[in-house]
Amino acid sequence: MPRRRRGAKIVTSADEEVLDENPLEEEGPEKEPEEEEEEEELEEEPTSPNAKRKISDLKDLIFLGRLEEEVDFSGFKFKIITLSTGQQRKLVENLMLLSEAERFARVRDYTMAQVIESVNNVPLEKLCTDESIEDEHLQRLSVISGWQSTLVDFLYKSYEDLFSRSNEGFGEDDLKK
């Protein structure tokens, strides 16, 4: 792709114009007037109400695509959620610390310790009866490990369904837009 010299206007917090000294820049299509207006909006002072709203909108991206559901099992209400990329990475990191045999046996427990937020509106870690455990993740894991496998299997199936629905909500066509 051809390269050419181009200076770009940079607006500082004091609204002084400075010429960008980046000598080489990819040549791209000319911008539409609407795109130029959007760039001007982004150059607003961070203290303006529009800038604060935009920061808030960006923070909302954290929860974009996140689903949660309350699942009833024998009169107990379990709040389950889908995991963020960071939470999924942490889950895999924790699993990789285990031996292969342990990993296979505990994958559901570890997953459920991450995806169950609460039982009857009580945070999962608060249900831990072992006061010697101080780490929140280990408290959550202790609670899950004490449950019957039928309950864990039921909740895991509910999580799989929730996870599938979250993936259906953002198909390939949505990602291309």
N, C-alpha and C. Protein backbone atom coordinates (compact mmCIF):
# COMPACT_ATOMS: atom_id res chain seq x y z
N MET A 1 0.85 -1.16 0.00
CA MET A 1 0.00 0.00 0.00
C MET A 1 0.90 1.23 0.00
N PRO A 2 0.59 2.23 -0.81
CA PRO A 2 1.45 3.42 -0.88
C PRO A 2 1.44 4.17 0.45
N ARG A 3 2.59 4.77 0.74
CA ARG A 3 2.71 5.56 1.95
C ARG A 3 2.95 7.01 1.53
N ARG A 4 2.48 7.92 2.34
CA ARG A 4 2.72 9.32 2.05
C ARG A 4 2.83 10.10 3.34
N ARG A 5 3.39 11.27 3.23
CA ARG A 5 3.50 12.14 4.39
C ARG A 5 2.14 12.79 4.65
N ARG A 6 1.79 12.84 5.92
CA ARG A 6 0.55 13.50 6.26
C ARG A 6 0.69 14.04 7.67
N GLY A 7 0.30 15.26 7.90
CA GLY A 7 0.28 15.83 9.24
C GLY A 7 -1.13 15.73 9.78
N ALA A 8 -1.26 15.42 11.04
CA ALA A 8 -2.58 15.31 11.66
C ALA A 8 -2.65 16.31 12.80
N LYS A 9 -3.83 16.83 12.98
CA LYS A 9 -4.03 17.80 14.04
C LYS A 9 -4.25 17.06 15.36
N ILE A 10 -3.51 17.44 16.38
CA ILE A 10 -3.68 16.87 17.72
C ILE A 10 -4.13 18.00 18.62
N VAL A 11 -5.18 17.78 19.38
CA VAL A 11 -5.68 18.81 20.27
C VAL A 11 -5.28 18.43 21.68
N THR A 12 -4.58 19.32 22.35
CA THR A 12 -4.15 19.07 23.73
C THR A 12 -5.22 19.57 24.67
N SER A 13 -5.01 19.34 25.97
CA SER A 13 -6.01 19.77 26.95
C SER A 13 -6.18 21.29 26.97
N ALA A 14 -5.17 22.02 26.53
CA ALA A 14 -5.26 23.48 26.49
C ALA A 14 -5.82 23.94 25.15
N ASP A 15 -6.34 23.01 24.33
CA ASP A 15 -6.91 23.29 23.02
C ASP A 15 -5.92 23.96 22.08
N GLU A 16 -4.63 23.65 22.23
CA GLU A 16 -3.63 24.14 21.30
C GLU A 16 -3.49 23.11 20.20
N GLU A 17 -3.34 23.60 18.96
CA GLU A 17 -3.16 22.68 17.86
C GLU A 17 -1.68 22.41 17.69
N VAL A 18 -1.33 21.14 17.50
CA VAL A 18 0.04 20.73 17.31
C VAL A 18 0.07 19.84 16.08
N LEU A 19 1.08 20.01 15.23
CA LEU A 19 1.20 19.18 14.05
C LEU A 19 1.87 17.88 14.41
N ASP A 20 1.25 16.78 14.04
CA ASP A 20 1.82 15.46 14.30
C ASP A 20 3.02 15.28 13.39
N GLU A 21 4.13 14.90 13.94
CA GLU A 21 5.35 14.73 13.17
C GLU A 21 5.54 13.30 12.69
N ASN A 22 4.51 12.50 12.71
CA ASN A 22 4.59 11.12 12.22
C ASN A 22 4.76 11.19 10.70
N PRO A 23 5.98 10.97 10.16
CA PRO A 23 6.23 11.22 8.75
C PRO A 23 5.59 10.20 7.82
N LEU A 24 5.42 8.98 8.25
CA LEU A 24 4.86 7.97 7.37
C LEU A 24 3.55 7.45 7.94
N GLU A 25 2.53 7.47 7.12
CA GLU A 25 1.24 7.00 7.57
C GLU A 25 0.58 6.31 6.40
N GLU A 26 -0.11 5.21 6.67
CA GLU A 26 -0.80 4.50 5.62
C GLU A 26 -1.83 5.41 4.99
N GLU A 27 -1.89 5.35 3.66
CA GLU A 27 -2.92 6.11 2.98
C GLU A 27 -4.21 5.33 3.03
N GLY A 28 -5.27 5.95 3.41
CA GLY A 28 -6.54 5.26 3.52
C GLY A 28 -7.61 6.04 2.79
N PRO A 29 -8.84 5.55 2.82
CA PRO A 29 -9.92 6.25 2.15
C PRO A 29 -10.19 7.57 2.84
N GLU A 30 -10.66 8.51 2.06
CA GLU A 30 -11.01 9.81 2.62
C GLU A 30 -12.15 9.64 3.60
N LYS A 31 -12.17 10.44 4.65
CA LYS A 31 -13.18 10.32 5.68
C LYS A 31 -14.45 11.04 5.27
N GLU A 32 -15.54 10.46 5.65
CA GLU A 32 -16.84 11.07 5.44
C GLU A 32 -17.01 12.18 6.48
N PRO A 33 -17.82 13.19 6.19
CA PRO A 33 -18.04 14.27 7.16
C PRO A 33 -18.55 13.76 8.51
N GLU A 34 -19.37 12.69 8.50
CA GLU A 34 -19.89 12.14 9.76
C GLU A 34 -18.76 11.62 10.63
N GLU A 35 -17.75 10.98 10.02
CA GLU A 35 -16.63 10.44 10.78
C GLU A 35 -15.82 11.55 11.40
N GLU A 36 -15.66 12.67 10.68
CA GLU A 36 -14.90 13.78 11.23
C GLU A 36 -15.60 14.36 12.45
N GLU A 37 -16.96 14.42 12.43
CA GLU A 37 -17.70 14.91 13.57
C GLU A 37 -17.50 14.00 14.77
N GLU A 38 -17.48 12.69 14.55
CA GLU A 38 -17.28 11.75 15.64
C GLU A 38 -15.90 11.93 16.27
N GLU A 39 -14.88 12.18 15.44
CA GLU A 39 -13.53 12.40 15.98
C GLU A 39 -13.50 13.66 16.82
N GLU A 40 -14.22 14.72 16.37
CA GLU A 40 -14.24 15.95 17.14
C GLU A 40 -14.87 15.72 18.50
N GLU A 41 -15.91 14.88 18.57
CA GLU A 41 -16.54 14.59 19.85
C GLU A 41 -15.56 13.92 20.80
N LEU A 42 -14.69 13.06 20.28
CA LEU A 42 -13.74 12.34 21.12
C LEU A 42 -12.66 13.27 21.67
N GLU A 43 -12.48 14.44 21.04
CA GLU A 43 -11.44 15.37 21.47
C GLU A 43 -11.91 16.29 22.59
N GLU A 44 -13.14 16.09 23.10
CA GLU A 44 -13.67 16.94 24.15
C GLU A 44 -12.87 16.76 25.43
N GLU A 45 -12.95 17.76 26.27
CA GLU A 45 -12.31 17.70 27.57
C GLU A 45 -12.87 16.52 28.36
N PRO A 46 -12.04 15.77 29.09
CA PRO A 46 -12.52 14.63 29.84
C PRO A 46 -13.52 14.99 30.93
N THR A 47 -13.60 16.27 31.32
CA THR A 47 -14.51 16.66 32.38
C THR A 47 -15.89 17.03 31.84
N SER A 48 -16.05 17.09 30.53
CA SER A 48 -17.35 17.46 29.98
C SER A 48 -18.34 16.32 30.20
N PRO A 49 -19.65 16.63 30.26
CA PRO A 49 -20.65 15.58 30.49
C PRO A 49 -20.64 14.52 29.39
N ASN A 50 -20.41 14.91 28.14
CA ASN A 50 -20.38 13.94 27.04
C ASN A 50 -19.21 12.98 27.20
N ALA A 51 -18.07 13.48 27.63
CA ALA A 51 -16.90 12.62 27.81
C ALA A 51 -17.15 11.63 28.95
N LYS A 52 -17.78 12.12 30.02
CA LYS A 52 -18.09 11.22 31.13
C LYS A 52 -19.05 10.13 30.69
N ARG A 53 -20.04 10.51 29.87
CA ARG A 53 -21.00 9.53 29.37
C ARG A 53 -20.29 8.50 28.52
N LYS A 54 -19.37 8.93 27.69
CA LYS A 54 -18.65 8.00 26.81
C LYS A 54 -17.80 7.04 27.63
N ILE A 55 -17.16 7.53 28.69
CA ILE A 55 -16.39 6.65 29.56
C ILE A 55 -17.31 5.64 30.21
N SER A 56 -18.47 6.10 30.64
CA SER A 56 -19.46 5.19 31.23
C SER A 56 -19.89 4.14 30.21
N ASP A 57 -20.12 4.57 28.97
CA ASP A 57 -20.50 3.62 27.92
C ASP A 57 -19.40 2.59 27.71
N LEU A 58 -18.14 3.03 27.74
CA LEU A 58 -17.03 2.09 27.57
C LEU A 58 -16.97 1.10 28.72
N LYS A 59 -17.25 1.57 29.92
CA LYS A 59 -17.26 0.67 31.07
C LYS A 59 -18.37 -0.37 30.93
N ASP A 60 -19.48 0.03 30.28
CA ASP A 60 -20.58 -0.91 30.05
C ASP A 60 -20.17 -2.04 29.12
N LEU A 61 -19.13 -1.86 28.34
CA LEU A 61 -18.66 -2.93 27.45
C LEU A 61 -18.24 -4.16 28.24
N ILE A 62 -17.83 -3.96 29.48
CA ILE A 62 -17.42 -5.08 30.32
C ILE A 62 -18.55 -6.09 30.43
N PHE A 63 -19.78 -5.60 30.50
CA PHE A 63 -20.92 -6.48 30.70
C PHE A 63 -21.67 -6.79 29.41
N LEU A 64 -21.18 -6.29 28.28
CA LEU A 64 -21.83 -6.56 27.01
C LEU A 64 -21.77 -8.05 26.71
N GLY A 65 -22.90 -8.66 26.49
CA GLY A 65 -22.95 -10.09 26.20
C GLY A 65 -23.01 -10.96 27.44
N ARG A 66 -22.88 -10.37 28.59
CA ARG A 66 -22.93 -11.14 29.85
C ARG A 66 -24.37 -11.51 30.14
N LEU A 67 -24.59 -12.75 30.45
CA LEU A 67 -25.92 -13.20 30.83
C LEU A 67 -25.87 -13.72 32.26
N GLU A 68 -26.99 -13.58 32.93
CA GLU A 68 -27.13 -14.17 34.25
C GLU A 68 -28.53 -14.75 34.34
N GLU A 69 -28.65 -15.74 35.19
CA GLU A 69 -29.93 -16.42 35.31
C GLU A 69 -30.06 -16.96 36.72
N GLU A 70 -31.27 -16.94 37.21
CA GLU A 70 -31.55 -17.54 38.51
C GLU A 70 -32.18 -18.90 38.25
N VAL A 71 -31.54 -19.94 38.77
CA VAL A 71 -31.98 -21.31 38.56
C VAL A 71 -32.52 -21.85 39.88
N ASP A 72 -33.69 -22.47 39.82
CA ASP A 72 -34.32 -23.02 41.01
C ASP A 72 -34.04 -24.52 41.09
N PHE A 73 -33.59 -24.95 42.26
CA PHE A 73 -33.37 -26.38 42.51
C PHE A 73 -33.87 -26.67 43.92
N SER A 74 -34.95 -27.40 44.02
CA SER A 74 -35.55 -27.78 45.32
C SER A 74 -35.79 -26.58 46.23
N GLY A 75 -36.27 -25.49 45.66
CA GLY A 75 -36.59 -24.31 46.45
C GLY A 75 -35.42 -23.38 46.70
N PHE A 76 -34.20 -23.74 46.29
CA PHE A 76 -33.03 -22.87 46.42
C PHE A 76 -32.80 -22.16 45.09
N LYS A 77 -32.51 -20.88 45.16
CA LYS A 77 -32.29 -20.09 43.95
C LYS A 77 -30.79 -19.82 43.78
N PHE A 78 -30.24 -20.32 42.67
CA PHE A 78 -28.82 -20.18 42.35
C PHE A 78 -28.68 -19.16 41.24
N LYS A 79 -27.91 -18.11 41.48
CA LYS A 79 -27.65 -17.11 40.45
C LYS A 79 -26.37 -17.51 39.72
N ILE A 80 -26.49 -17.81 38.42
CA ILE A 80 -25.32 -18.18 37.63
C ILE A 80 -25.09 -17.12 36.57
N ILE A 81 -23.84 -16.96 36.18
CA ILE A 81 -23.46 -15.93 35.20
C ILE A 81 -22.54 -16.55 34.15
N THR A 82 -22.44 -15.86 33.01
CA THR A 82 -21.41 -16.22 32.05
C THR A 82 -20.13 -15.49 32.46
N LEU A 83 -19.00 -16.02 32.07
CA LEU A 83 -17.71 -15.48 32.49
C LEU A 83 -17.13 -14.52 31.47
N SER A 84 -16.40 -13.54 31.96
CA SER A 84 -15.65 -12.65 31.07
C SER A 84 -14.40 -13.40 30.59
N THR A 85 -13.72 -12.82 29.64
CA THR A 85 -12.49 -13.42 29.13
C THR A 85 -11.46 -13.57 30.25
N GLY A 86 -11.35 -12.56 31.09
CA GLY A 86 -10.40 -12.62 32.21
C GLY A 86 -10.75 -13.71 33.21
N GLN A 87 -12.04 -13.85 33.49
CA GLN A 87 -12.47 -14.90 34.42
C GLN A 87 -12.22 -16.28 33.82
N GLN A 88 -12.45 -16.43 32.52
CA GLN A 88 -12.19 -17.71 31.86
C GLN A 88 -10.70 -18.04 31.89
N ARG A 89 -9.87 -17.02 31.64
CA ARG A 89 -8.42 -17.22 31.68
C ARG A 89 -7.96 -17.66 33.07
N LYS A 90 -8.49 -17.00 34.09
CA LYS A 90 -8.14 -17.34 35.47
C LYS A 90 -8.58 -18.76 35.80
N LEU A 91 -9.74 -19.16 35.32
CA LEU A 91 -10.24 -20.52 35.53
C LEU A 91 -9.28 -21.54 34.92
N VAL A 92 -8.86 -21.29 33.69
CA VAL A 92 -7.92 -22.21 33.03
C VAL A 92 -6.58 -22.23 33.75
N GLU A 93 -6.10 -21.06 34.19
CA GLU A 93 -4.84 -21.01 34.94
C GLU A 93 -4.92 -21.86 36.20
N ASN A 94 -6.04 -21.75 36.92
CA ASN A 94 -6.22 -22.54 38.15
C ASN A 94 -6.27 -24.03 37.84
N LEU A 95 -6.94 -24.39 36.77
CA LEU A 95 -7.03 -25.80 36.40
C LEU A 95 -5.67 -26.36 35.98
N MET A 96 -4.88 -25.55 35.31
CA MET A 96 -3.57 -26.01 34.83
C MET A 96 -2.59 -26.25 35.96
N LEU A 97 -2.86 -25.73 37.14
CA LEU A 97 -2.01 -25.98 38.30
C LEU A 97 -2.20 -27.39 38.85
N LEU A 98 -3.31 -28.02 38.46
CA LEU A 98 -3.63 -29.36 38.95
C LEU A 98 -2.99 -30.43 38.07
N SER A 99 -2.85 -31.62 38.63
CA SER A 99 -2.38 -32.74 37.82
C SER A 99 -3.47 -33.08 36.81
N GLU A 100 -3.11 -33.87 35.81
CA GLU A 100 -4.09 -34.21 34.77
C GLU A 100 -5.30 -34.94 35.36
N ALA A 101 -5.07 -35.85 36.28
CA ALA A 101 -6.16 -36.60 36.90
C ALA A 101 -7.07 -35.68 37.72
N GLU A 102 -6.44 -34.78 38.50
CA GLU A 102 -7.23 -33.83 39.29
C GLU A 102 -8.01 -32.89 38.39
N ARG A 103 -7.38 -32.43 37.33
CA ARG A 103 -8.02 -31.52 36.38
C ARG A 103 -9.29 -32.14 35.83
N PHE A 104 -9.20 -33.40 35.43
CA PHE A 104 -10.35 -34.10 34.87
C PHE A 104 -11.46 -34.24 35.91
N ALA A 105 -11.09 -34.55 37.15
CA ALA A 105 -12.08 -34.79 38.20
C ALA A 105 -12.69 -33.50 38.74
N ARG A 106 -11.98 -32.38 38.65
CA ARG A 106 -12.42 -31.15 39.32
C ARG A 106 -12.87 -30.04 38.39
N VAL A 107 -12.88 -30.27 37.08
CA VAL A 107 -13.20 -29.19 36.15
C VAL A 107 -14.58 -28.59 36.42
N ARG A 108 -15.55 -29.43 36.73
CA ARG A 108 -16.90 -28.91 37.01
C ARG A 108 -16.92 -28.10 38.30
N ASP A 109 -16.26 -28.61 39.34
CA ASP A 109 -16.21 -27.87 40.61
C ASP A 109 -15.59 -26.49 40.41
N TYR A 110 -14.46 -26.45 39.73
CA TYR A 110 -13.77 -25.18 39.50
C TYR A 110 -14.62 -24.22 38.67
N THR A 111 -15.27 -24.77 37.65
CA THR A 111 -16.12 -23.93 36.80
C THR A 111 -17.29 -23.38 37.60
N MET A 112 -17.95 -24.24 38.35
CA MET A 112 -19.11 -23.80 39.11
C MET A 112 -18.73 -22.81 40.21
N ALA A 113 -17.54 -22.94 40.77
CA ALA A 113 -17.08 -21.99 41.78
C ALA A 113 -16.95 -20.59 41.17
N GLN A 114 -16.71 -20.52 39.87
CA GLN A 114 -16.61 -19.23 39.18
C GLN A 114 -17.98 -18.70 38.75
N VAL A 115 -18.87 -19.57 38.29
CA VAL A 115 -20.10 -19.09 37.65
C VAL A 115 -21.28 -18.92 38.61
N ILE A 116 -21.24 -19.53 39.77
CA ILE A 116 -22.33 -19.33 40.73
C ILE A 116 -21.99 -18.11 41.58
N GLU A 117 -22.82 -17.09 41.47
CA GLU A 117 -22.59 -15.87 42.26
C GLU A 117 -23.18 -15.99 43.65
N SER A 118 -24.41 -16.55 43.72
CA SER A 118 -25.07 -16.58 45.02
C SER A 118 -26.09 -17.71 45.08
N VAL A 119 -26.47 -18.04 46.32
CA VAL A 119 -27.54 -18.99 46.59
C VAL A 119 -28.53 -18.26 47.51
N ASN A 120 -29.77 -18.14 47.06
CA ASN A 120 -30.79 -17.38 47.80
C ASN A 120 -30.27 -15.99 48.18
N ASN A 121 -29.60 -15.34 47.24
CA ASN A 121 -29.05 -13.98 47.37
C ASN A 121 -27.91 -13.87 48.39
N VAL A 122 -27.33 -14.98 48.79
CA VAL A 122 -26.16 -14.97 49.68
C VAL A 122 -24.95 -15.32 48.82
N PRO A 123 -23.91 -14.46 48.83
CA PRO A 123 -22.72 -14.78 48.03
C PRO A 123 -22.18 -16.17 48.36
N LEU A 124 -21.77 -16.89 47.33
CA LEU A 124 -21.35 -18.28 47.49
C LEU A 124 -20.25 -18.44 48.54
N GLU A 125 -19.27 -17.56 48.55
CA GLU A 125 -18.15 -17.70 49.49
C GLU A 125 -18.60 -17.55 50.95
N LYS A 126 -19.72 -16.86 51.18
CA LYS A 126 -20.24 -16.69 52.55
C LYS A 126 -20.84 -17.98 53.11
N LEU A 127 -21.06 -18.97 52.22
CA LEU A 127 -21.62 -20.26 52.66
C LEU A 127 -20.54 -21.22 53.15
N CYS A 128 -19.29 -20.83 53.04
CA CYS A 128 -18.18 -21.69 53.48
C CYS A 128 -18.17 -21.76 55.00
N THR A 129 -18.16 -22.98 55.52
CA THR A 129 -18.17 -23.17 56.98
C THR A 129 -16.77 -23.36 57.56
N ASP A 130 -15.77 -23.53 56.70
CA ASP A 130 -14.39 -23.73 57.15
C ASP A 130 -13.74 -22.36 57.34
N GLU A 131 -13.66 -21.92 58.59
CA GLU A 131 -13.14 -20.58 58.89
C GLU A 131 -11.63 -20.46 58.67
N SER A 132 -10.95 -21.58 58.49
CA SER A 132 -9.50 -21.52 58.26
C SER A 132 -9.17 -21.11 56.82
N ILE A 133 -10.15 -21.17 55.93
CA ILE A 133 -9.93 -20.79 54.52
C ILE A 133 -10.18 -19.30 54.38
N GLU A 134 -9.15 -18.57 53.98
CA GLU A 134 -9.27 -17.13 53.83
C GLU A 134 -9.44 -16.69 52.38
N ASP A 135 -8.92 -17.48 51.45
CA ASP A 135 -8.99 -17.13 50.03
C ASP A 135 -10.42 -17.32 49.51
N GLU A 136 -10.97 -16.29 48.86
CA GLU A 136 -12.35 -16.33 48.38
C GLU A 136 -12.58 -17.47 47.38
N HIS A 137 -11.64 -17.66 46.46
CA HIS A 137 -11.80 -18.73 45.47
C HIS A 137 -11.84 -20.10 46.17
N LEU A 138 -10.97 -20.30 47.14
CA LEU A 138 -10.95 -21.57 47.86
C LEU A 138 -12.21 -21.76 48.71
N GLN A 139 -12.75 -20.66 49.24
CA GLN A 139 -14.01 -20.74 49.98
C GLN A 139 -15.13 -21.21 49.05
N ARG A 140 -15.19 -20.60 47.87
CA ARG A 140 -16.22 -20.96 46.89
C ARG A 140 -16.06 -22.43 46.48
N LEU A 141 -14.84 -22.83 46.24
CA LEU A 141 -14.55 -24.21 45.84
C LEU A 141 -14.93 -25.19 46.94
N SER A 142 -14.68 -24.82 48.18
CA SER A 142 -15.04 -25.66 49.32
C SER A 142 -16.55 -25.89 49.38
N VAL A 143 -17.31 -24.85 49.13
CA VAL A 143 -18.77 -24.97 49.15
C VAL A 143 -19.23 -25.93 48.06
N ILE A 144 -18.75 -25.72 46.85
CA ILE A 144 -19.14 -26.56 45.71
C ILE A 144 -18.74 -28.01 45.96
N SER A 145 -17.56 -28.21 46.50
CA SER A 145 -17.06 -29.58 46.74
C SER A 145 -17.91 -30.33 47.76
N GLY A 146 -18.61 -29.62 48.61
CA GLY A 146 -19.45 -30.26 49.61
C GLY A 146 -20.83 -30.63 49.11
N TRP A 147 -21.19 -30.17 47.92
CA TRP A 147 -22.52 -30.47 47.38
C TRP A 147 -22.57 -31.85 46.73
N GLN A 148 -23.79 -32.38 46.62
CA GLN A 148 -24.01 -33.64 45.93
C GLN A 148 -23.76 -33.46 44.43
N SER A 149 -23.25 -34.51 43.81
CA SER A 149 -22.92 -34.43 42.39
C SER A 149 -24.15 -34.16 41.52
N THR A 150 -25.33 -34.60 41.94
CA THR A 150 -26.54 -34.34 41.15
C THR A 150 -26.83 -32.84 41.08
N LEU A 151 -26.62 -32.13 42.18
CA LEU A 151 -26.81 -30.69 42.19
C LEU A 151 -25.78 -30.00 41.30
N VAL A 152 -24.52 -30.39 41.44
CA VAL A 152 -23.44 -29.77 40.64
C VAL A 152 -23.69 -30.04 39.15
N ASP A 153 -24.09 -31.27 38.82
CA ASP A 153 -24.37 -31.61 37.42
C ASP A 153 -25.54 -30.78 36.87
N PHE A 154 -26.59 -30.63 37.67
CA PHE A 154 -27.75 -29.82 37.26
C PHE A 154 -27.33 -28.38 37.00
N LEU A 155 -26.57 -27.80 37.92
CA LEU A 155 -26.14 -26.41 37.77
C LEU A 155 -25.17 -26.24 36.60
N TYR A 156 -24.32 -27.23 36.40
CA TYR A 156 -23.38 -27.18 35.28
C TYR A 156 -24.14 -27.20 33.95
N LYS A 157 -25.17 -28.03 33.86
CA LYS A 157 -26.00 -28.09 32.66
C LYS A 157 -26.69 -26.75 32.43
N SER A 158 -27.18 -26.15 33.51
CA SER A 158 -27.81 -24.83 33.41
C SER A 158 -26.81 -23.79 32.90
N TYR A 159 -25.57 -23.87 33.39
CA TYR A 159 -24.52 -22.96 32.92
C TYR A 159 -24.22 -23.18 31.44
N GLU A 160 -24.12 -24.44 31.02
CA GLU A 160 -23.87 -24.73 29.61
C GLU A 160 -24.96 -24.12 28.72
N ASP A 161 -26.22 -24.25 29.15
CA ASP A 161 -27.33 -23.67 28.38
C ASP A 161 -27.21 -22.14 28.32
N LEU A 162 -26.87 -21.52 29.44
CA LEU A 162 -26.70 -20.07 29.50
C LEU A 162 -25.56 -19.63 28.59
N PHE A 163 -24.46 -20.36 28.65
CA PHE A 163 -23.30 -20.07 27.82
C PHE A 163 -23.66 -20.18 26.33
N SER A 164 -24.40 -21.20 25.96
CA SER A 164 -24.83 -21.38 24.57
C SER A 164 -25.70 -20.22 24.13
N ARG A 165 -26.61 -19.78 25.00
CA ARG A 165 -27.47 -18.64 24.66
C ARG A 165 -26.66 -17.37 24.48
N SER A 166 -25.62 -17.19 25.28
CA SER A 166 -24.81 -15.97 25.14
C SER A 166 -24.06 -15.99 23.82
N ASN A 167 -23.62 -17.16 23.37
CA ASN A 167 -22.94 -17.25 22.08
C ASN A 167 -23.91 -17.05 20.92
N GLU A 168 -25.15 -17.51 21.06
CA GLU A 168 -26.15 -17.31 20.02
C GLU A 168 -26.50 -15.84 19.88
N GLY A 169 -26.45 -15.11 20.99
CA GLY A 169 -26.79 -13.69 20.97
C GLY A 169 -25.83 -12.86 20.16
N PHE A 170 -24.62 -13.33 19.94
CA PHE A 170 -23.61 -12.63 19.19
C PHE A 170 -23.07 -13.55 18.12
N GLY A 171 -23.82 -13.65 17.02
CA GLY A 171 -23.41 -14.49 15.91
C GLY A 171 -22.34 -13.82 15.07
N GLU A 172 -21.89 -14.49 14.04
CA GLU A 172 -20.84 -13.97 13.17
C GLU A 172 -21.24 -12.65 12.53
N ASP A 173 -22.50 -12.54 12.11
CA ASP A 173 -22.96 -11.32 11.46
C ASP A 173 -22.87 -10.13 12.40
N ASP A 174 -23.14 -10.34 13.70
CA ASP A 174 -23.05 -9.25 14.67
C ASP A 174 -21.61 -8.80 14.85
N LEU A 175 -20.68 -9.74 14.80
CA LEU A 175 -19.27 -9.41 15.01
C LEU A 175 -18.69 -8.64 13.83
N LYS A 176 -19.24 -8.81 12.64
CA LYS A 176 -18.73 -8.12 11.45
C LYS A 176 -19.16 -6.69 11.37
N LYS A 177 -20.20 -6.31 12.08
CA LYS A 177 -20.74 -4.94 12.01
C LYS A 177 -19.87 -3.97 12.72
